[in-house]
Amino acid sequence: MIPVLMIQAWAMSAYLNQGAGPLWNIMGVRVANQCPKYWWTNALFISNVYPWSNNYVDADTICLPWFWYISNEVQFFFLGLGLILVYRKYPRIGMGLLWCLSFIGILTCFLLAYFDKTVVSLP
């Protein structure tokens, strides 16, 4: 996965000299300019958390913005793998960690909705 990712990051930096079209200045140039600076965040699978600005990851400052999902997926894979390993060795501690993480996830969603004053409505 990492070699393919690095080839795509290199291609995007070389891509800058080859583009034209109505959306080129909106997306192509912006992405191609960031790849030489932030290519390593994709290699480490942290592009969904770095570079952090104004309380969120800015799509204008990351290389290959569509790779946020792959970074997210890899992080959850390792978190899940760690939970499974703990659960197999210590079932009670593993189940406690699972319940704690579930509670933290629900609490985080509630607090974000509460403080952002998000209105939940049914259609």
PDB file of N, CA and C in Angstrom:
ATOM      1  N   MET A   1       0.812  -1.190   0.000  1.00  0.00           N
ATOM      2  CA  MET A   1       0.000   0.000   0.000  1.00  0.00           C
ATOM      3  C   MET A   1       0.865   1.268   0.000  1.00  0.00           C
ATOM      4  N   ILE A   2       1.910   1.286   0.795  1.00  0.00           N
ATOM      5  CA  ILE A   2       2.751   2.473   0.885  1.00  0.00           C
ATOM      6  C   ILE A   2       3.460   2.773  -0.434  1.00  0.00           C
ATOM      7  N   PRO A   3       4.011   1.779  -1.163  1.00  0.00           N
ATOM      8  CA  PRO A   3       4.636   2.123  -2.451  1.00  0.00           C
ATOM      9  C   PRO A   3       3.656   2.750  -3.444  1.00  0.00           C
ATOM     10  N   VAL A   4       2.450   2.247  -3.501  1.00  0.00           N
ATOM     11  CA  VAL A   4       1.453   2.828  -4.405  1.00  0.00           C
ATOM     12  C   VAL A   4       1.129   4.251  -3.986  1.00  0.00           C
ATOM     13  N   LEU A   5       1.036   4.476  -2.693  1.00  0.00           N
ATOM     14  CA  LEU A   5       0.761   5.800  -2.174  1.00  0.00           C
ATOM     15  C   LEU A   5       1.874   6.778  -2.523  1.00  0.00           C
ATOM     16  N   MET A   6       3.114   6.340  -2.385  1.00  0.00           N
ATOM     17  CA  MET A   6       4.245   7.211  -2.700  1.00  0.00           C
ATOM     18  C   MET A   6       4.323   7.515  -4.197  1.00  0.00           C
ATOM     19  N   ILE A   7       3.980   6.541  -5.024  1.00  0.00           N
ATOM     20  CA  ILE A   7       3.962   6.786  -6.465  1.00  0.00           C
ATOM     21  C   ILE A   7       2.902   7.822  -6.802  1.00  0.00           C
ATOM     22  N   GLN A   8       1.748   7.739  -6.154  1.00  0.00           N
ATOM     23  CA  GLN A   8       0.694   8.706  -6.414  1.00  0.00           C
ATOM     24  C   GLN A   8       1.088  10.097  -5.919  1.00  0.00           C
ATOM     25  N   ALA A   9       1.732  10.190  -4.770  1.00  0.00           N
ATOM     26  CA  ALA A   9       2.185  11.493  -4.266  1.00  0.00           C
ATOM     27  C   ALA A   9       3.223  12.098  -5.206  1.00  0.00           C
ATOM     28  N   TRP A  10       4.142  11.285  -5.714  1.00  0.00           N
ATOM     29  CA  TRP A  10       5.134  11.769  -6.665  1.00  0.00           C
ATOM     30  C   TRP A  10       4.448  12.226  -7.956  1.00  0.00           C
ATOM     31  N   ALA A  11       3.498  11.438  -8.416  1.00  0.00           N
ATOM     32  CA  ALA A  11       2.787  11.774  -9.645  1.00  0.00           C
ATOM     33  C   ALA A  11       2.019  13.083  -9.489  1.00  0.00           C
ATOM     34  N   MET A  12       1.467  13.329  -8.318  1.00  0.00           N
ATOM     35  CA  MET A  12       0.743  14.584  -8.107  1.00  0.00           C
ATOM     36  C   MET A  12       1.687  15.782  -8.118  1.00  0.00           C
ATOM     37  N   SER A  13       2.902  15.618  -7.614  1.00  0.00           N
ATOM     38  CA  SER A  13       3.830  16.748  -7.670  1.00  0.00           C
ATOM     39  C   SER A  13       4.318  16.976  -9.098  1.00  0.00           C
ATOM     40  N   ALA A  14       4.444  15.920  -9.903  1.00  0.00           N
ATOM     41  CA  ALA A  14       4.809  16.064 -11.310  1.00  0.00           C
ATOM     42  C   ALA A  14       3.617  16.526 -12.136  1.00  0.00           C
ATOM     43  N   TYR A  15       2.432  16.284 -11.659  1.00  0.00           N
ATOM     44  CA  TYR A  15       1.181  16.592 -12.328  1.00  0.00           C
ATOM     45  C   TYR A  15       0.962  18.089 -12.502  1.00  0.00           C
ATOM     46  N   LEU A  16       1.624  18.886 -11.692  1.00  0.00           N
ATOM     47  CA  LEU A  16       1.442  20.333 -11.706  1.00  0.00           C
ATOM     48  C   LEU A  16       1.716  20.937 -13.075  1.00  0.00           C
ATOM     49  N   ASN A  17       2.661  20.401 -13.798  1.00  0.00           N
ATOM     50  CA  ASN A  17       3.044  20.965 -15.091  1.00  0.00           C
ATOM     51  C   ASN A  17       2.205  20.447 -16.246  1.00  0.00           C
ATOM     52  N   GLN A  18       1.248  19.601 -15.997  1.00  0.00           N
ATOM     53  CA  GLN A  18       0.548  18.944 -17.087  1.00  0.00           C
ATOM     54  C   GLN A  18      -0.942  19.234 -17.127  1.00  0.00           C
ATOM     55  N   GLY A  19      -1.435  20.139 -16.344  1.00  0.00           N
ATOM     56  CA  GLY A  19      -2.879  20.274 -16.234  1.00  0.00           C
ATOM     57  C   GLY A  19      -3.465  21.476 -16.925  1.00  0.00           C
ATOM     58  N   ALA A  20      -4.740  21.364 -17.210  1.00  0.00           N
ATOM     59  CA  ALA A  20      -5.536  22.450 -17.767  1.00  0.00           C
ATOM     60  C   ALA A  20      -6.995  22.085 -17.566  1.00  0.00           C
ATOM     61  N   GLY A  21      -7.861  23.031 -17.708  1.00  0.00           N
ATOM     62  CA  GLY A  21      -9.282  22.755 -17.602  1.00  0.00           C
ATOM     63  C   GLY A  21      -9.957  23.662 -16.601  1.00  0.00           C
ATOM     64  N   PRO A  22     -11.274  23.583 -16.528  1.00  0.00           N
ATOM     65  CA  PRO A  22     -12.025  24.510 -15.674  1.00  0.00           C
ATOM     66  C   PRO A  22     -11.792  24.324 -14.182  1.00  0.00           C
ATOM     67  N   LEU A  23     -11.503  23.113 -13.737  1.00  0.00           N
ATOM     68  CA  LEU A  23     -11.288  22.869 -12.310  1.00  0.00           C
ATOM     69  C   LEU A  23      -9.814  22.769 -11.934  1.00  0.00           C
ATOM     70  N   TRP A  24      -8.925  22.996 -12.875  1.00  0.00           N
ATOM     71  CA  TRP A  24      -7.504  22.804 -12.609  1.00  0.00           C
ATOM     72  C   TRP A  24      -7.006  23.716 -11.496  1.00  0.00           C
ATOM     73  N   ASN A  25      -7.348  25.003 -11.550  1.00  0.00           N
ATOM     74  CA  ASN A  25      -6.867  25.927 -10.521  1.00  0.00           C
ATOM     75  C   ASN A  25      -7.530  25.707  -9.180  1.00  0.00           C
ATOM     76  N   ILE A  26      -8.700  25.113  -9.181  1.00  0.00           N
ATOM     77  CA  ILE A  26      -9.405  24.875  -7.922  1.00  0.00           C
ATOM     78  C   ILE A  26      -8.801  23.682  -7.184  1.00  0.00           C
ATOM     79  N   MET A  27      -8.611  22.570  -7.874  1.00  0.00           N
ATOM     80  CA  MET A  27      -8.183  21.341  -7.197  1.00  0.00           C
ATOM     81  C   MET A  27      -6.771  20.920  -7.549  1.00  0.00           C
ATOM     82  N   GLY A  28      -6.454  20.868  -8.808  1.00  0.00           N
ATOM     83  CA  GLY A  28      -5.173  20.312  -9.235  1.00  0.00           C
ATOM     84  C   GLY A  28      -3.962  21.046  -8.709  1.00  0.00           C
ATOM     85  N   VAL A  29      -3.943  22.350  -8.854  1.00  0.00           N
ATOM     86  CA  VAL A  29      -2.791  23.137  -8.409  1.00  0.00           C
ATOM     87  C   VAL A  29      -2.669  23.099  -6.893  1.00  0.00           C
ATOM     88  N   ARG A  30      -3.793  23.192  -6.205  1.00  0.00           N
ATOM     89  CA  ARG A  30      -3.772  23.192  -4.741  1.00  0.00           C
ATOM     90  C   ARG A  30      -3.189  21.888  -4.201  1.00  0.00           C
ATOM     91  N   VAL A  31      -3.633  20.766  -4.737  1.00  0.00           N
ATOM     92  CA  VAL A  31      -3.143  19.464  -4.281  1.00  0.00           C
ATOM     93  C   VAL A  31      -1.688  19.274  -4.667  1.00  0.00           C
ATOM     94  N   ALA A  32      -1.342  19.607  -5.902  1.00  0.00           N
ATOM     95  CA  ALA A  32       0.028  19.403  -6.384  1.00  0.00           C
ATOM     96  C   ALA A  32       1.032  20.258  -5.616  1.00  0.00           C
ATOM     97  N   ASN A  33       0.633  21.429  -5.168  1.00  0.00           N
ATOM     98  CA  ASN A  33       1.549  22.286  -4.414  1.00  0.00           C
ATOM     99  C   ASN A  33       1.805  21.765  -3.005  1.00  0.00           C
ATOM    100  N   GLN A  34       0.874  21.022  -2.423  1.00  0.00           N
ATOM    101  CA  GLN A  34       1.035  20.539  -1.058  1.00  0.00           C
ATOM    102  C   GLN A  34       1.784  19.216  -0.975  1.00  0.00           C
ATOM    103  N   CYS A  35       1.824  18.441  -2.041  1.00  0.00           N
ATOM    104  CA  CYS A  35       2.456  17.120  -1.982  1.00  0.00           C
ATOM    105  C   CYS A  35       3.950  17.157  -1.646  1.00  0.00           C
ATOM    106  N   PRO A  36       4.742  18.085  -2.192  1.00  0.00           N
ATOM    107  CA  PRO A  36       6.149  18.100  -1.783  1.00  0.00           C
ATOM    108  C   PRO A  36       6.343  18.407  -0.294  1.00  0.00           C
ATOM    109  N   LYS A  37       5.385  19.097   0.321  1.00  0.00           N
ATOM    110  CA  LYS A  37       5.526  19.478   1.725  1.00  0.00           C
ATOM    111  C   LYS A  37       4.973  18.433   2.690  1.00  0.00           C
ATOM    112  N   TYR A  38       3.842  17.806   2.352  1.00  0.00           N
ATOM    113  CA  TYR A  38       3.160  16.919   3.301  1.00  0.00           C
ATOM    114  C   TYR A  38       3.015  15.483   2.811  1.00  0.00           C
ATOM    115  N   TRP A  39       3.850  15.018   1.912  1.00  0.00           N
ATOM    116  CA  TRP A  39       3.746  13.645   1.414  1.00  0.00           C
ATOM    117  C   TRP A  39       3.943  12.633   2.524  1.00  0.00           C
ATOM    118  N   TRP A  40       4.758  12.953   3.504  1.00  0.00           N
ATOM    119  CA  TRP A  40       5.097  12.017   4.579  1.00  0.00           C
ATOM    120  C   TRP A  40       3.911  11.731   5.498  1.00  0.00           C
ATOM    121  N   THR A  41       2.919  12.640   5.576  1.00  0.00           N
ATOM    122  CA  THR A  41       1.749  12.361   6.405  1.00  0.00           C
ATOM    123  C   THR A  41       0.938  11.207   5.831  1.00  0.00           C
ATOM    124  N   ASN A  42       0.935  11.064   4.516  1.00  0.00           N
ATOM    125  CA  ASN A  42       0.251   9.927   3.901  1.00  0.00           C
ATOM    126  C   ASN A  42       1.032   8.644   4.114  1.00  0.00           C
ATOM    127  N   ALA A  43       2.345   8.716   4.093  1.00  0.00           N
ATOM    128  CA  ALA A  43       3.170   7.518   4.296  1.00  0.00           C
ATOM    129  C   ALA A  43       3.030   6.975   5.718  1.00  0.00           C
ATOM    130  N   LEU A  44       2.828   7.864   6.682  1.00  0.00           N
ATOM    131  CA  LEU A  44       2.653   7.454   8.077  1.00  0.00           C
ATOM    132  C   LEU A  44       1.187   7.249   8.448  1.00  0.00           C
ATOM    133  N   PHE A  45       0.293   7.470   7.502  1.00  0.00           N
ATOM    134  CA  PHE A  45      -1.154   7.331   7.713  1.00  0.00           C
ATOM    135  C   PHE A  45      -1.663   8.231   8.836  1.00  0.00           C
ATOM    136  N   ILE A  46      -1.204   9.481   8.832  1.00  0.00           N
ATOM    137  CA  ILE A  46      -1.699  10.464   9.802  1.00  0.00           C
ATOM    138  C   ILE A  46      -2.258  11.699   9.095  1.00  0.00           C
ATOM    139  N   SER A  47      -2.588  11.578   7.818  1.00  0.00           N
ATOM    140  CA  SER A  47      -3.059  12.747   7.071  1.00  0.00           C
ATOM    141  C   SER A  47      -4.428  13.231   7.541  1.00  0.00           C
ATOM    142  N   ASN A  48      -5.147  12.429   8.311  1.00  0.00           N
ATOM    143  CA  ASN A  48      -6.431  12.886   8.834  1.00  0.00           C
ATOM    144  C   ASN A  48      -6.285  13.661  10.144  1.00  0.00           C
ATOM    145  N   VAL A  49      -5.085  13.737  10.709  1.00  0.00           N
ATOM    146  CA  VAL A  49      -4.876  14.493  11.943  1.00  0.00           C
ATOM    147  C   VAL A  49      -3.770  15.545  11.838  1.00  0.00           C
ATOM    148  N   TYR A  50      -3.025  15.567  10.738  1.00  0.00           N
ATOM    149  CA  TYR A  50      -1.943  16.550  10.562  1.00  0.00           C
ATOM    150  C   TYR A  50      -1.901  16.985   9.118  1.00  0.00           C
ATOM    151  N   PRO A  51      -1.747  18.211   8.768  1.00  0.00           N
ATOM    152  CA  PRO A  51      -1.562  19.423   9.573  1.00  0.00           C
ATOM    153  C   PRO A  51      -2.880  19.925  10.141  1.00  0.00           C
ATOM    154  N   TRP A  52      -2.858  20.310  11.387  1.00  0.00           N
ATOM    155  CA  TRP A  52      -4.048  20.721  12.124  1.00  0.00           C
ATOM    156  C   TRP A  52      -4.093  22.234  12.178  1.00  0.00           C
ATOM    157  N   SER A  53      -5.198  22.821  11.720  1.00  0.00           N
ATOM    158  CA  SER A  53      -5.331  24.274  11.789  1.00  0.00           C
ATOM    159  C   SER A  53      -6.795  24.623  12.031  1.00  0.00           C
ATOM    160  N   ASN A  54      -7.029  25.576  12.864  1.00  0.00           N
ATOM    161  CA  ASN A  54      -8.378  26.066  13.161  1.00  0.00           C
ATOM    162  C   ASN A  54      -9.336  24.950  13.589  1.00  0.00           C
ATOM    163  N   ASN A  55      -8.865  24.065  14.445  1.00  0.00           N
ATOM    164  CA  ASN A  55      -9.672  22.987  15.021  1.00  0.00           C
ATOM    165  C   ASN A  55     -10.113  21.920  14.024  1.00  0.00           C
ATOM    166  N   TYR A  56      -9.505  21.831  12.881  1.00  0.00           N
ATOM    167  CA  TYR A  56      -9.796  20.767  11.929  1.00  0.00           C
ATOM    168  C   TYR A  56      -8.638  20.637  10.955  1.00  0.00           C
ATOM    169  N   VAL A  57      -8.622  19.554  10.230  1.00  0.00           N
ATOM    170  CA  VAL A  57      -7.605  19.363   9.207  1.00  0.00           C
ATOM    171  C   VAL A  57      -8.082  20.088   7.960  1.00  0.00           C
ATOM    172  N   ASP A  58      -7.298  21.031   7.495  1.00  0.00           N
ATOM    173  CA  ASP A  58      -7.676  21.861   6.363  1.00  0.00           C
ATOM    174  C   ASP A  58      -7.382  21.132   5.056  1.00  0.00           C
ATOM    175  N   ALA A  59      -8.376  20.974   4.220  1.00  0.00           N
ATOM    176  CA  ALA A  59      -8.206  20.263   2.946  1.00  0.00           C
ATOM    177  C   ALA A  59      -7.276  21.015   2.007  1.00  0.00           C
ATOM    178  N   ASP A  60      -7.050  22.301   2.252  1.00  0.00           N
ATOM    179  CA  ASP A  60      -6.153  23.069   1.396  1.00  0.00           C
ATOM    180  C   ASP A  60      -4.689  22.814   1.704  1.00  0.00           C
ATOM    181  N   THR A  61      -4.387  22.204   2.846  1.00  0.00           N
ATOM    182  CA  THR A  61      -2.987  22.042   3.244  1.00  0.00           C
ATOM    183  C   THR A  61      -2.518  20.589   3.256  1.00  0.00           C
ATOM    184  N   ILE A  62      -3.326  19.648   2.804  1.00  0.00           N
ATOM    185  CA  ILE A  62      -2.890  18.259   2.833  1.00  0.00           C
ATOM    186  C   ILE A  62      -2.653  17.747   1.420  1.00  0.00           C
ATOM    187  N   CYS A  63      -1.737  16.830   1.321  1.00  0.00           N
ATOM    188  CA  CYS A  63      -1.432  16.176   0.051  1.00  0.00           C
ATOM    189  C   CYS A  63      -2.422  15.026  -0.138  1.00  0.00           C
ATOM    190  N   LEU A  64      -3.015  14.931  -1.303  1.00  0.00           N
ATOM    191  CA  LEU A  64      -3.994  13.890  -1.631  1.00  0.00           C
ATOM    192  C   LEU A  64      -5.126  13.867  -0.602  1.00  0.00           C
ATOM    193  N   PRO A  65      -6.008  14.871  -0.603  1.00  0.00           N
ATOM    194  CA  PRO A  65      -7.040  14.970   0.432  1.00  0.00           C
ATOM    195  C   PRO A  65      -7.971  13.770   0.503  1.00  0.00           C
ATOM    196  N   TRP A  66      -8.093  13.010  -0.565  1.00  0.00           N
ATOM    197  CA  TRP A  66      -8.990  11.853  -0.542  1.00  0.00           C
ATOM    198  C   TRP A  66      -8.400  10.690   0.239  1.00  0.00           C
ATOM    199  N   PHE A  67      -7.141  10.771   0.658  1.00  0.00           N
ATOM    200  CA  PHE A  67      -6.518   9.695   1.434  1.00  0.00           C
ATOM    201  C   PHE A  67      -6.812   9.793   2.926  1.00  0.00           C
ATOM    202  N   TRP A  68      -7.614  10.771   3.357  1.00  0.00           N
ATOM    203  CA  TRP A  68      -7.945  10.847   4.779  1.00  0.00           C
ATOM    204  C   TRP A  68      -8.648   9.574   5.225  1.00  0.00           C
ATOM    205  N   TYR A  69      -9.437   8.998   4.330  1.00  0.00           N
ATOM    206  CA  TYR A  69     -10.179   7.796   4.703  1.00  0.00           C
ATOM    207  C   TYR A  69      -9.247   6.609   4.926  1.00  0.00           C
ATOM    208  N   ILE A  70      -8.222   6.480   4.090  1.00  0.00           N
ATOM    209  CA  ILE A  70      -7.280   5.365   4.257  1.00  0.00           C
ATOM    210  C   ILE A  70      -6.522   5.521   5.566  1.00  0.00           C
ATOM    211  N   SER A  71      -6.119   6.742   5.894  1.00  0.00           N
ATOM    212  CA  SER A  71      -5.449   6.978   7.180  1.00  0.00           C
ATOM    213  C   SER A  71      -6.372   6.616   8.338  1.00  0.00           C
ATOM    214  N   ASN A  72      -7.607   7.020   8.237  1.00  0.00           N
ATOM    215  CA  ASN A  72      -8.591   6.712   9.273  1.00  0.00           C
ATOM    216  C   ASN A  72      -8.779   5.203   9.408  1.00  0.00           C
ATOM    217  N   GLU A  73      -8.885   4.520   8.291  1.00  0.00           N
ATOM    218  CA  GLU A  73      -9.103   3.073   8.299  1.00  0.00           C
ATOM    219  C   GLU A  73      -7.917   2.329   8.917  1.00  0.00           C
ATOM    220  N   VAL A  74      -6.698   2.748   8.595  1.00  0.00           N
ATOM    221  CA  VAL A  74      -5.502   2.099   9.157  1.00  0.00           C
ATOM    222  C   VAL A  74      -5.429   2.322  10.667  1.00  0.00           C
ATOM    223  N   GLN A  75      -5.761   3.530  11.122  1.00  0.00           N
ATOM    224  CA  GLN A  75      -5.737   3.797  12.552  1.00  0.00           C
ATOM    225  C   GLN A  75      -6.763   2.947  13.294  1.00  0.00           C
ATOM    226  N   PHE A  76      -7.959   2.817  12.747  1.00  0.00           N
ATOM    227  CA  PHE A  76      -8.962   1.966  13.386  1.00  0.00           C
ATOM    228  C   PHE A  76      -8.578   0.495  13.325  1.00  0.00           C
ATOM    229  N   PHE A  77      -7.883   0.083  12.272  1.00  0.00           N
ATOM    230  CA  PHE A  77      -7.414  -1.299  12.187  1.00  0.00           C
ATOM    231  C   PHE A  77      -6.470  -1.616  13.339  1.00  0.00           C
ATOM    232  N   PHE A  78      -5.497  -0.730  13.570  1.00  0.00           N
ATOM    233  CA  PHE A  78      -4.539  -0.981  14.652  1.00  0.00           C
ATOM    234  C   PHE A  78      -5.191  -0.863  16.033  1.00  0.00           C
ATOM    235  N   LEU A  79      -6.139   0.043  16.179  1.00  0.00           N
ATOM    236  CA  LEU A  79      -6.871   0.137  17.441  1.00  0.00           C
ATOM    237  C   LEU A  79      -7.656  -1.146  17.691  1.00  0.00           C
ATOM    238  N   GLY A  80      -8.345  -1.630  16.663  1.00  0.00           N
ATOM    239  CA  GLY A  80      -9.106  -2.878  16.798  1.00  0.00           C
ATOM    240  C   GLY A  80      -8.211  -4.069  17.050  1.00  0.00           C
ATOM    241  N   LEU A  81      -7.068  -4.119  16.383  1.00  0.00           N
ATOM    242  CA  LEU A  81      -6.115  -5.205  16.602  1.00  0.00           C
ATOM    243  C   LEU A  81      -5.611  -5.206  18.049  1.00  0.00           C
ATOM    244  N   GLY A  82      -5.315  -4.023  18.563  1.00  0.00           N
ATOM    245  CA  GLY A  82      -4.892  -3.927  19.964  1.00  0.00           C
ATOM    246  C   GLY A  82      -5.978  -4.378  20.926  1.00  0.00           C
ATOM    247  N   LEU A  83      -7.230  -3.978  20.637  1.00  0.00           N
ATOM    248  CA  LEU A  83      -8.337  -4.415  21.492  1.00  0.00           C
ATOM    249  C   LEU A  83      -8.511  -5.930  21.452  1.00  0.00           C
ATOM    250  N   ILE A  84      -8.389  -6.523  20.292  1.00  0.00           N
ATOM    251  CA  ILE A  84      -8.523  -7.979  20.179  1.00  0.00           C
ATOM    252  C   ILE A  84      -7.408  -8.686  20.938  1.00  0.00           C
ATOM    253  N   LEU A  85      -6.182  -8.177  20.822  1.00  0.00           N
ATOM    254  CA  LEU A  85      -5.063  -8.807  21.529  1.00  0.00           C
ATOM    255  C   LEU A  85      -5.236  -8.718  23.042  1.00  0.00           C
ATOM    256  N   VAL A  86      -5.675  -7.553  23.521  1.00  0.00           N
ATOM    257  CA  VAL A  86      -5.914  -7.406  24.965  1.00  0.00           C
ATOM    258  C   VAL A  86      -7.054  -8.315  25.395  1.00  0.00           C
ATOM    259  N   TYR A  87      -8.121  -8.387  24.603  1.00  0.00           N
ATOM    260  CA  TYR A  87      -9.277  -9.209  24.955  1.00  0.00           C
ATOM    261  C   TYR A  87      -8.925 -10.693  25.009  1.00  0.00           C
ATOM    262  N   ARG A  88      -8.077 -11.145  24.087  1.00  0.00           N
ATOM    263  CA  ARG A  88      -7.707 -12.571  24.080  1.00  0.00           C
ATOM    264  C   ARG A  88      -6.860 -12.945  25.289  1.00  0.00           C
ATOM    265  N   LYS A  89      -6.007 -12.018  25.716  1.00  0.00           N
ATOM    266  CA  LYS A  89      -5.142 -12.323  26.849  1.00  0.00           C
ATOM    267  C   LYS A  89      -5.848 -12.051  28.181  1.00  0.00           C
ATOM    268  N   TYR A  90      -6.578 -10.933  28.254  1.00  0.00           N
ATOM    269  CA  TYR A  90      -7.288 -10.532  29.469  1.00  0.00           C
ATOM    270  C   TYR A  90      -8.731 -10.161  29.092  1.00  0.00           C
ATOM    271  N   PRO A  91      -9.634 -11.126  29.076  1.00  0.00           N
ATOM    272  CA  PRO A  91     -10.999 -10.847  28.596  1.00  0.00           C
ATOM    273  C   PRO A  91     -11.732  -9.742  29.359  1.00  0.00           C
ATOM    274  N   ARG A  92     -11.594  -9.696  30.659  1.00  0.00           N
ATOM    275  CA  ARG A  92     -12.311  -8.664  31.428  1.00  0.00           C
ATOM    276  C   ARG A  92     -11.786  -7.271  31.124  1.00  0.00           C
ATOM    277  N   ILE A  93     -10.458  -7.132  31.046  1.00  0.00           N
ATOM    278  CA  ILE A  93      -9.872  -5.828  30.729  1.00  0.00           C
ATOM    279  C   ILE A  93     -10.227  -5.426  29.299  1.00  0.00           C
ATOM    280  N   GLY A  94     -10.182  -6.373  28.376  1.00  0.00           N
ATOM    281  CA  GLY A  94     -10.544  -6.081  26.988  1.00  0.00           C
ATOM    282  C   GLY A  94     -11.982  -5.633  26.855  1.00  0.00           C
ATOM    283  N   MET A  95     -12.896  -6.305  27.550  1.00  0.00           N
ATOM    284  CA  MET A  95     -14.302  -5.913  27.506  1.00  0.00           C
ATOM    285  C   MET A  95     -14.499  -4.554  28.163  1.00  0.00           C
ATOM    286  N   GLY A  96     -13.770  -4.290  29.243  1.00  0.00           N
ATOM    287  CA  GLY A  96     -13.845  -2.976  29.886  1.00  0.00           C
ATOM    288  C   GLY A  96     -13.362  -1.871  28.962  1.00  0.00           C
ATOM    289  N   LEU A  97     -12.255  -2.121  28.241  1.00  0.00           N
ATOM    290  CA  LEU A  97     -11.760  -1.135  27.279  1.00  0.00           C
ATOM    291  C   LEU A  97     -12.767  -0.899  26.165  1.00  0.00           C
ATOM    292  N   LEU A  98     -13.379  -1.961  25.688  1.00  0.00           N
ATOM    293  CA  LEU A  98     -14.378  -1.835  24.633  1.00  0.00           C
ATOM    294  C   LEU A  98     -15.560  -0.986  25.094  1.00  0.00           C
ATOM    295  N   TRP A  99     -16.058  -1.250  26.303  1.00  0.00           N
ATOM    296  CA  TRP A  99     -17.164  -0.464  26.829  1.00  0.00           C
ATOM    297  C   TRP A  99     -16.755   0.994  27.056  1.00  0.00           C
ATOM    298  N   CYS A 100     -15.540   1.214  27.561  1.00  0.00           N
ATOM    299  CA  CYS A 100     -15.067   2.590  27.784  1.00  0.00           C
ATOM    300  C   CYS A 100     -14.950   3.349  26.466  1.00  0.00           C
ATOM    301  N   LEU A 101     -14.372   2.720  25.446  1.00  0.00           N
ATOM    302  CA  LEU A 101     -14.248   3.388  24.150  1.00  0.00           C
ATOM    303  C   LEU A 101     -15.612   3.651  23.526  1.00  0.00           C
ATOM    304  N   SER A 102     -16.544   2.724  23.702  1.00  0.00           N
ATOM    305  CA  SER A 102     -17.905   2.937  23.191  1.00  0.00           C
ATOM    306  C   SER A 102     -18.564   4.114  23.890  1.00  0.00           C
ATOM    307  N   PHE A 103     -18.420   4.175  25.212  1.00  0.00           N
ATOM    308  CA  PHE A 103     -18.993   5.277  25.971  1.00  0.00           C
ATOM    309  C   PHE A 103     -18.353   6.605  25.587  1.00  0.00           C
ATOM    310  N   ILE A 104     -17.037   6.621  25.426  1.00  0.00           N
ATOM    311  CA  ILE A 104     -16.343   7.851  25.029  1.00  0.00           C
ATOM    312  C   ILE A 104     -16.817   8.309  23.648  1.00  0.00           C
ATOM    313  N   GLY A 105     -17.026   7.364  22.721  1.00  0.00           N
ATOM    314  CA  GLY A 105     -17.515   7.717  21.393  1.00  0.00           C
ATOM    315  C   GLY A 105     -18.907   8.328  21.423  1.00  0.00           C
ATOM    316  N   ILE A 106     -19.798   7.730  22.216  1.00  0.00           N
ATOM    317  CA  ILE A 106     -21.159   8.256  22.337  1.00  0.00           C
ATOM    318  C   ILE A 106     -21.141   9.621  23.022  1.00  0.00           C
ATOM    319  N   LEU A 107     -20.342   9.757  24.082  1.00  0.00           N
ATOM    320  CA  LEU A 107     -20.243  11.016  24.803  1.00  0.00           C
ATOM    321  C   LEU A 107     -19.659  12.117  23.913  1.00  0.00           C
ATOM    322  N   THR A 108     -18.682  11.784  23.109  1.00  0.00           N
ATOM    323  CA  THR A 108     -18.087  12.755  22.199  1.00  0.00           C
ATOM    324  C   THR A 108     -19.112  13.256  21.194  1.00  0.00           C
ATOM    325  N   CYS A 109     -19.878  12.349  20.611  1.00  0.00           N
ATOM    326  CA  CYS A 109     -20.935  12.760  19.667  1.00  0.00           C
ATOM    327  C   CYS A 109     -21.950  13.660  20.342  1.00  0.00           C
ATOM    328  N   PHE A 110     -22.354  13.306  21.560  1.00  0.00           N
ATOM    329  CA  PHE A 110     -23.322  14.118  22.297  1.00  0.00           C
ATOM    330  C   PHE A 110     -22.768  15.514  22.576  1.00  0.00           C
ATOM    331  N   LEU A 111     -21.524  15.579  23.072  1.00  0.00           N
ATOM    332  CA  LEU A 111     -20.945  16.877  23.419  1.00  0.00           C
ATOM    333  C   LEU A 111     -20.725  17.755  22.186  1.00  0.00           C
ATOM    334  N   LEU A 112     -20.299  17.161  21.086  1.00  0.00           N
ATOM    335  CA  LEU A 112     -20.135  17.950  19.860  1.00  0.00           C
ATOM    336  C   LEU A 112     -21.470  18.508  19.385  1.00  0.00           C
ATOM    337  N   ALA A 113     -22.504  17.676  19.415  1.00  0.00           N
ATOM    338  CA  ALA A 113     -23.828  18.146  19.002  1.00  0.00           C
ATOM    339  C   ALA A 113     -24.362  19.207  19.968  1.00  0.00           C
ATOM    340  N   TYR A 114     -24.103  19.033  21.247  1.00  0.00           N
ATOM    341  CA  TYR A 114     -24.602  19.976  22.249  1.00  0.00           C
ATOM    342  C   TYR A 114     -23.921  21.334  22.134  1.00  0.00           C
ATOM    343  N   PHE A 115     -22.600  21.342  22.070  1.00  0.00           N
ATOM    344  CA  PHE A 115     -21.879  22.607  22.045  1.00  0.00           C
ATOM    345  C   PHE A 115     -21.924  23.297  20.689  1.00  0.00           C
ATOM    346  N   ASP A 116     -22.108  22.544  19.608  1.00  0.00           N
ATOM    347  CA  ASP A 116     -22.272  23.158  18.289  1.00  0.00           C
ATOM    348  C   ASP A 116     -23.723  23.516  18.015  1.00  0.00           C
ATOM    349  N   LYS A 117     -24.607  23.197  18.984  1.00  0.00           N
ATOM    350  CA  LYS A 117     -26.039  23.467  18.875  1.00  0.00           C
ATOM    351  C   LYS A 117     -26.627  22.856  17.601  1.00  0.00           C
ATOM    352  N   THR A 118     -26.274  21.601  17.369  1.00  0.00           N
ATOM    353  CA  THR A 118     -26.785  20.886  16.215  1.00  0.00           C
ATOM    354  C   THR A 118     -28.225  20.453  16.481  1.00  0.00           C
ATOM    355  N   VAL A 119     -29.090  20.734  15.543  1.00  0.00           N
ATOM    356  CA  VAL A 119     -30.497  20.371  15.668  1.00  0.00           C
ATOM    357  C   VAL A 119     -30.688  19.038  14.947  1.00  0.00           C
ATOM    358  N   VAL A 120     -31.195  18.072  15.673  1.00  0.00           N
ATOM    359  CA  VAL A 120     -31.471  16.773  15.088  1.00  0.00           C
ATOM    360  C   VAL A 120     -32.960  16.714  14.779  1.00  0.00           C
ATOM    361  N   SER A 121     -33.279  16.461  13.525  1.00  0.00           N
ATOM    362  CA  SER A 121     -34.687  16.396  13.150  1.00  0.00           C
ATOM    363  C   SER A 121     -34.907  15.239  12.202  1.00  0.00           C
ATOM    364  N   LEU A 122     -36.095  14.710  12.240  1.00  0.00           N
ATOM    365  CA  LEU A 122     -36.478  13.643  11.325  1.00  0.00           C
ATOM    366  C   LEU A 122     -37.185  14.253  10.121  1.00  0.00           C
ATOM    367  N   PRO A 123     -37.039  13.651   8.960  1.00  0.00           N
ATOM    368  CA  PRO A 123     -37.683  14.239   7.772  1.00  0.00           C
ATOM    369  C   PRO A 123     -39.189  14.177   7.834  1.00  0.00           C
TER     370      PRO A 123
END
